[in-house]
Amino acid sequence: MRLLGYPDPVSLENDYAATFYVHADHTEAFKSRPLEFSIVRGFETRLLTEDGPEIRIRNTARIHRDIAGNVSYMEGIIEDVSRSWQSA
């Protein structure tokens, strides 16, 4: 929520996550990897913040499945790596 510049969780709930990606093809690439491999590590892309600027992030996520193999939920962490790209 804070990383993307939203004032509160409710404000963030009103936006569709796919709209945050600067490159639309990264949305599908990120969604397909955990479904295929159950985990994705170090997926880097750029996201748009609520007030417009882009940030560069590294995303790691894992799919959790029920006993039948259906996706129950996905958990993950997003790390802002913008500074490391600015200094490179």
N, C-alpha and C. Protein backbone atom coordinates (compact mmCIF):
# COMPACT_ATOMS: atom_id res chain seq x y z
N MET A 1 0.83 -1.16 0.00
CA MET A 1 0.00 0.00 0.00
C MET A 1 0.88 1.25 0.00
N ARG A 2 1.78 1.35 0.95
CA ARG A 2 2.67 2.53 1.03
C ARG A 2 3.62 2.59 -0.16
N LEU A 3 4.12 1.45 -0.59
CA LEU A 3 5.05 1.39 -1.70
C LEU A 3 4.44 1.99 -2.97
N LEU A 4 3.15 1.77 -3.15
CA LEU A 4 2.46 2.27 -4.34
C LEU A 4 1.82 3.64 -4.13
N GLY A 5 1.97 4.22 -2.95
CA GLY A 5 1.50 5.57 -2.70
C GLY A 5 0.03 5.70 -2.34
N TYR A 6 -0.57 4.63 -1.85
CA TYR A 6 -1.98 4.67 -1.46
C TYR A 6 -2.09 5.07 0.01
N PRO A 7 -3.11 5.86 0.37
CA PRO A 7 -3.23 6.33 1.75
C PRO A 7 -3.71 5.27 2.73
N ASP A 8 -4.43 4.25 2.23
CA ASP A 8 -4.98 3.23 3.12
C ASP A 8 -5.32 1.97 2.31
N PRO A 9 -5.51 0.84 2.98
CA PRO A 9 -5.79 -0.42 2.28
C PRO A 9 -7.07 -0.38 1.44
N VAL A 10 -8.07 0.34 1.90
CA VAL A 10 -9.34 0.40 1.17
C VAL A 10 -9.13 1.04 -0.20
N SER A 11 -8.33 2.07 -0.28
CA SER A 11 -8.04 2.74 -1.55
C SER A 11 -7.37 1.79 -2.53
N LEU A 12 -6.50 0.95 -2.04
CA LEU A 12 -5.79 0.00 -2.88
C LEU A 12 -6.72 -1.09 -3.39
N GLU A 13 -7.70 -1.49 -2.60
CA GLU A 13 -8.63 -2.55 -2.99
C GLU A 13 -9.45 -2.18 -4.21
N ASN A 14 -9.61 -0.91 -4.49
CA ASN A 14 -10.44 -0.47 -5.60
C ASN A 14 -9.74 -0.56 -6.95
N ASP A 15 -8.45 -0.80 -6.98
CA ASP A 15 -7.70 -0.89 -8.23
C ASP A 15 -7.32 -2.33 -8.52
N TYR A 16 -7.32 -2.67 -9.79
CA TYR A 16 -6.96 -4.01 -10.24
C TYR A 16 -5.44 -4.10 -10.36
N ALA A 17 -4.84 -5.09 -9.75
CA ALA A 17 -3.38 -5.21 -9.68
C ALA A 17 -2.70 -5.15 -11.04
N ALA A 18 -3.32 -5.69 -12.07
CA ALA A 18 -2.71 -5.70 -13.40
C ALA A 18 -2.48 -4.29 -13.93
N THR A 19 -3.24 -3.32 -13.46
CA THR A 19 -3.09 -1.95 -13.95
C THR A 19 -1.85 -1.27 -13.39
N PHE A 20 -1.19 -1.86 -12.41
CA PHE A 20 0.02 -1.27 -11.84
C PHE A 20 1.24 -1.48 -12.73
N TYR A 21 1.23 -2.53 -13.55
CA TYR A 21 2.39 -2.88 -14.36
C TYR A 21 2.61 -1.88 -15.48
N VAL A 22 3.85 -1.40 -15.64
CA VAL A 22 4.19 -0.50 -16.74
C VAL A 22 4.11 -1.25 -18.05
N HIS A 23 4.58 -2.48 -18.07
CA HIS A 23 4.54 -3.32 -19.28
C HIS A 23 3.45 -4.37 -19.09
N ALA A 24 2.41 -4.30 -19.91
CA ALA A 24 1.27 -5.21 -19.79
C ALA A 24 1.68 -6.67 -19.90
N ASP A 25 2.66 -6.99 -20.73
CA ASP A 25 3.09 -8.38 -20.88
C ASP A 25 3.73 -8.94 -19.61
N HIS A 26 4.21 -8.08 -18.73
CA HIS A 26 4.78 -8.55 -17.46
C HIS A 26 3.69 -9.09 -16.53
N THR A 27 2.47 -8.58 -16.68
CA THR A 27 1.36 -9.06 -15.87
C THR A 27 1.15 -10.54 -16.11
N GLU A 28 1.04 -10.93 -17.37
CA GLU A 28 0.83 -12.34 -17.71
C GLU A 28 2.05 -13.19 -17.38
N ALA A 29 3.23 -12.66 -17.61
CA ALA A 29 4.45 -13.41 -17.31
C ALA A 29 4.53 -13.73 -15.82
N PHE A 30 4.21 -12.74 -14.99
CA PHE A 30 4.27 -12.99 -13.55
C PHE A 30 3.19 -13.97 -13.11
N LYS A 31 1.98 -13.83 -13.64
CA LYS A 31 0.89 -14.72 -13.24
C LYS A 31 1.12 -16.16 -13.66
N SER A 32 1.74 -16.38 -14.81
CA SER A 32 1.91 -17.75 -15.32
C SER A 32 3.02 -18.52 -14.60
N ARG A 33 4.06 -17.85 -14.17
CA ARG A 33 5.19 -18.55 -13.53
C ARG A 33 4.82 -19.28 -12.26
N PRO A 34 4.13 -18.65 -11.31
CA PRO A 34 3.78 -19.41 -10.10
C PRO A 34 2.81 -20.55 -10.39
N LEU A 35 1.93 -20.36 -11.36
CA LEU A 35 1.00 -21.45 -11.69
C LEU A 35 1.74 -22.65 -12.25
N GLU A 36 2.78 -22.41 -13.02
CA GLU A 36 3.56 -23.50 -13.61
C GLU A 36 4.54 -24.13 -12.62
N PHE A 37 5.21 -23.29 -11.85
CA PHE A 37 6.29 -23.78 -10.98
C PHE A 37 5.97 -23.73 -9.49
N SER A 38 4.81 -23.19 -9.10
CA SER A 38 4.36 -22.99 -7.72
C SER A 38 5.10 -21.87 -6.99
N ILE A 39 6.18 -21.36 -7.58
CA ILE A 39 6.92 -20.26 -6.96
C ILE A 39 7.61 -19.45 -8.05
N VAL A 40 7.77 -18.18 -7.77
CA VAL A 40 8.57 -17.31 -8.63
C VAL A 40 9.45 -16.48 -7.71
N ARG A 41 10.72 -16.40 -8.05
CA ARG A 41 11.68 -15.66 -7.21
C ARG A 41 12.36 -14.58 -8.04
N GLY A 42 12.43 -13.40 -7.47
CA GLY A 42 13.22 -12.33 -8.08
C GLY A 42 12.68 -11.78 -9.39
N PHE A 43 11.37 -11.82 -9.59
CA PHE A 43 10.77 -11.29 -10.81
C PHE A 43 10.83 -9.77 -10.75
N GLU A 44 11.59 -9.15 -11.66
CA GLU A 44 11.74 -7.71 -11.64
C GLU A 44 10.92 -7.06 -12.74
N THR A 45 10.27 -5.97 -12.37
CA THR A 45 9.46 -5.20 -13.31
C THR A 45 9.31 -3.79 -12.76
N ARG A 46 8.55 -2.98 -13.48
CA ARG A 46 8.25 -1.63 -13.02
C ARG A 46 6.75 -1.49 -12.81
N LEU A 47 6.38 -0.78 -11.75
CA LEU A 47 4.98 -0.53 -11.42
C LEU A 47 4.73 0.97 -11.38
N LEU A 48 3.50 1.34 -11.68
CA LEU A 48 3.07 2.74 -11.54
C LEU A 48 2.52 2.94 -10.15
N THR A 49 2.87 4.05 -9.54
CA THR A 49 2.33 4.39 -8.23
C THR A 49 1.04 5.18 -8.40
N GLU A 50 0.31 5.37 -7.32
CA GLU A 50 -0.96 6.09 -7.35
C GLU A 50 -0.81 7.49 -7.91
N ASP A 51 0.28 8.16 -7.58
CA ASP A 51 0.46 9.53 -8.06
C ASP A 51 1.30 9.63 -9.33
N GLY A 52 1.58 8.48 -9.98
CA GLY A 52 2.18 8.52 -11.31
C GLY A 52 3.59 8.02 -11.51
N PRO A 53 4.55 8.29 -10.61
CA PRO A 53 5.92 7.84 -10.90
C PRO A 53 6.04 6.32 -10.92
N GLU A 54 7.02 5.85 -11.64
CA GLU A 54 7.30 4.41 -11.69
C GLU A 54 8.28 4.03 -10.60
N ILE A 55 8.12 2.80 -10.11
CA ILE A 55 9.11 2.23 -9.21
C ILE A 55 9.53 0.88 -9.79
N ARG A 56 10.74 0.51 -9.53
CA ARG A 56 11.23 -0.80 -9.97
C ARG A 56 11.13 -1.73 -8.77
N ILE A 57 10.53 -2.91 -8.99
CA ILE A 57 10.33 -3.84 -7.87
C ILE A 57 10.88 -5.22 -8.20
N ARG A 58 11.13 -5.97 -7.15
CA ARG A 58 11.48 -7.40 -7.26
C ARG A 58 10.40 -8.14 -6.48
N ASN A 59 9.76 -9.09 -7.15
CA ASN A 59 8.62 -9.80 -6.57
C ASN A 59 8.96 -11.27 -6.41
N THR A 60 8.67 -11.81 -5.26
CA THR A 60 8.79 -13.23 -5.00
C THR A 60 7.43 -13.70 -4.48
N ALA A 61 6.90 -14.76 -5.08
CA ALA A 61 5.56 -15.21 -4.69
C ALA A 61 5.48 -16.73 -4.76
N ARG A 62 4.54 -17.25 -4.00
CA ARG A 62 4.35 -18.70 -3.92
C ARG A 62 2.86 -19.01 -3.93
N ILE A 63 2.50 -20.04 -4.68
CA ILE A 63 1.12 -20.51 -4.76
C ILE A 63 0.90 -21.57 -3.68
N HIS A 64 -0.22 -21.47 -3.01
CA HIS A 64 -0.63 -22.50 -2.06
C HIS A 64 -1.84 -23.22 -2.65
N ARG A 65 -1.79 -24.53 -2.63
CA ARG A 65 -2.85 -25.34 -3.22
C ARG A 65 -3.56 -26.17 -2.15
N ASP A 66 -4.83 -26.47 -2.42
CA ASP A 66 -5.57 -27.34 -1.52
C ASP A 66 -5.24 -28.80 -1.82
N ILE A 67 -5.84 -29.70 -1.10
CA ILE A 67 -5.55 -31.13 -1.24
C ILE A 67 -5.84 -31.65 -2.65
N ALA A 68 -6.77 -31.01 -3.35
CA ALA A 68 -7.13 -31.42 -4.72
C ALA A 68 -6.22 -30.79 -5.76
N GLY A 69 -5.30 -29.92 -5.34
CA GLY A 69 -4.39 -29.29 -6.27
C GLY A 69 -4.86 -27.95 -6.82
N ASN A 70 -6.01 -27.48 -6.34
CA ASN A 70 -6.52 -26.18 -6.78
C ASN A 70 -5.82 -25.06 -6.02
N VAL A 71 -5.65 -23.94 -6.68
CA VAL A 71 -5.01 -22.79 -6.04
C VAL A 71 -5.92 -22.25 -4.95
N SER A 72 -5.39 -22.18 -3.73
CA SER A 72 -6.12 -21.60 -2.61
C SER A 72 -5.83 -20.11 -2.49
N TYR A 73 -4.54 -19.78 -2.56
CA TYR A 73 -4.14 -18.38 -2.48
C TYR A 73 -2.68 -18.25 -2.88
N MET A 74 -2.26 -17.00 -3.07
CA MET A 74 -0.88 -16.71 -3.38
C MET A 74 -0.36 -15.75 -2.32
N GLU A 75 0.85 -16.00 -1.84
CA GLU A 75 1.48 -15.08 -0.91
C GLU A 75 2.79 -14.63 -1.52
N GLY A 76 3.20 -13.44 -1.17
CA GLY A 76 4.44 -12.95 -1.73
C GLY A 76 4.95 -11.71 -1.05
N ILE A 77 6.06 -11.25 -1.56
CA ILE A 77 6.68 -10.04 -1.04
C ILE A 77 7.18 -9.23 -2.23
N ILE A 78 6.99 -7.93 -2.12
CA ILE A 78 7.46 -7.01 -3.15
C ILE A 78 8.52 -6.12 -2.52
N GLU A 79 9.66 -6.05 -3.17
CA GLU A 79 10.78 -5.25 -2.68
C GLU A 79 11.04 -4.10 -3.66
N ASP A 80 11.14 -2.90 -3.16
CA ASP A 80 11.46 -1.74 -3.99
C ASP A 80 12.96 -1.75 -4.25
N VAL A 81 13.35 -1.93 -5.50
CA VAL A 81 14.77 -1.95 -5.87
C VAL A 81 15.13 -0.75 -6.74
N SER A 82 14.31 0.28 -6.71
CA SER A 82 14.51 1.48 -7.54
C SER A 82 15.88 2.11 -7.29
N ARG A 83 16.27 2.22 -6.04
CA ARG A 83 17.56 2.87 -5.73
C ARG A 83 18.74 2.10 -6.31
N SER A 84 18.69 0.79 -6.27
CA SER A 84 19.82 0.03 -6.82
C SER A 84 19.93 0.20 -8.33
N TRP A 85 18.82 0.47 -9.00
CA TRP A 85 18.85 0.71 -10.45
C TRP A 85 19.30 2.12 -10.75
N GLN A 86 19.01 3.07 -9.89
CA GLN A 86 19.42 4.46 -10.11
C GLN A 86 20.91 4.63 -9.98
N SER A 87 21.52 3.84 -9.10
CA SER A 87 22.96 3.97 -8.89
C SER A 87 23.78 3.12 -9.85
N ALA A 88 23.10 2.27 -10.62
CA ALA A 88 23.83 1.39 -11.56
C ALA A 88 24.17 2.12 -12.85
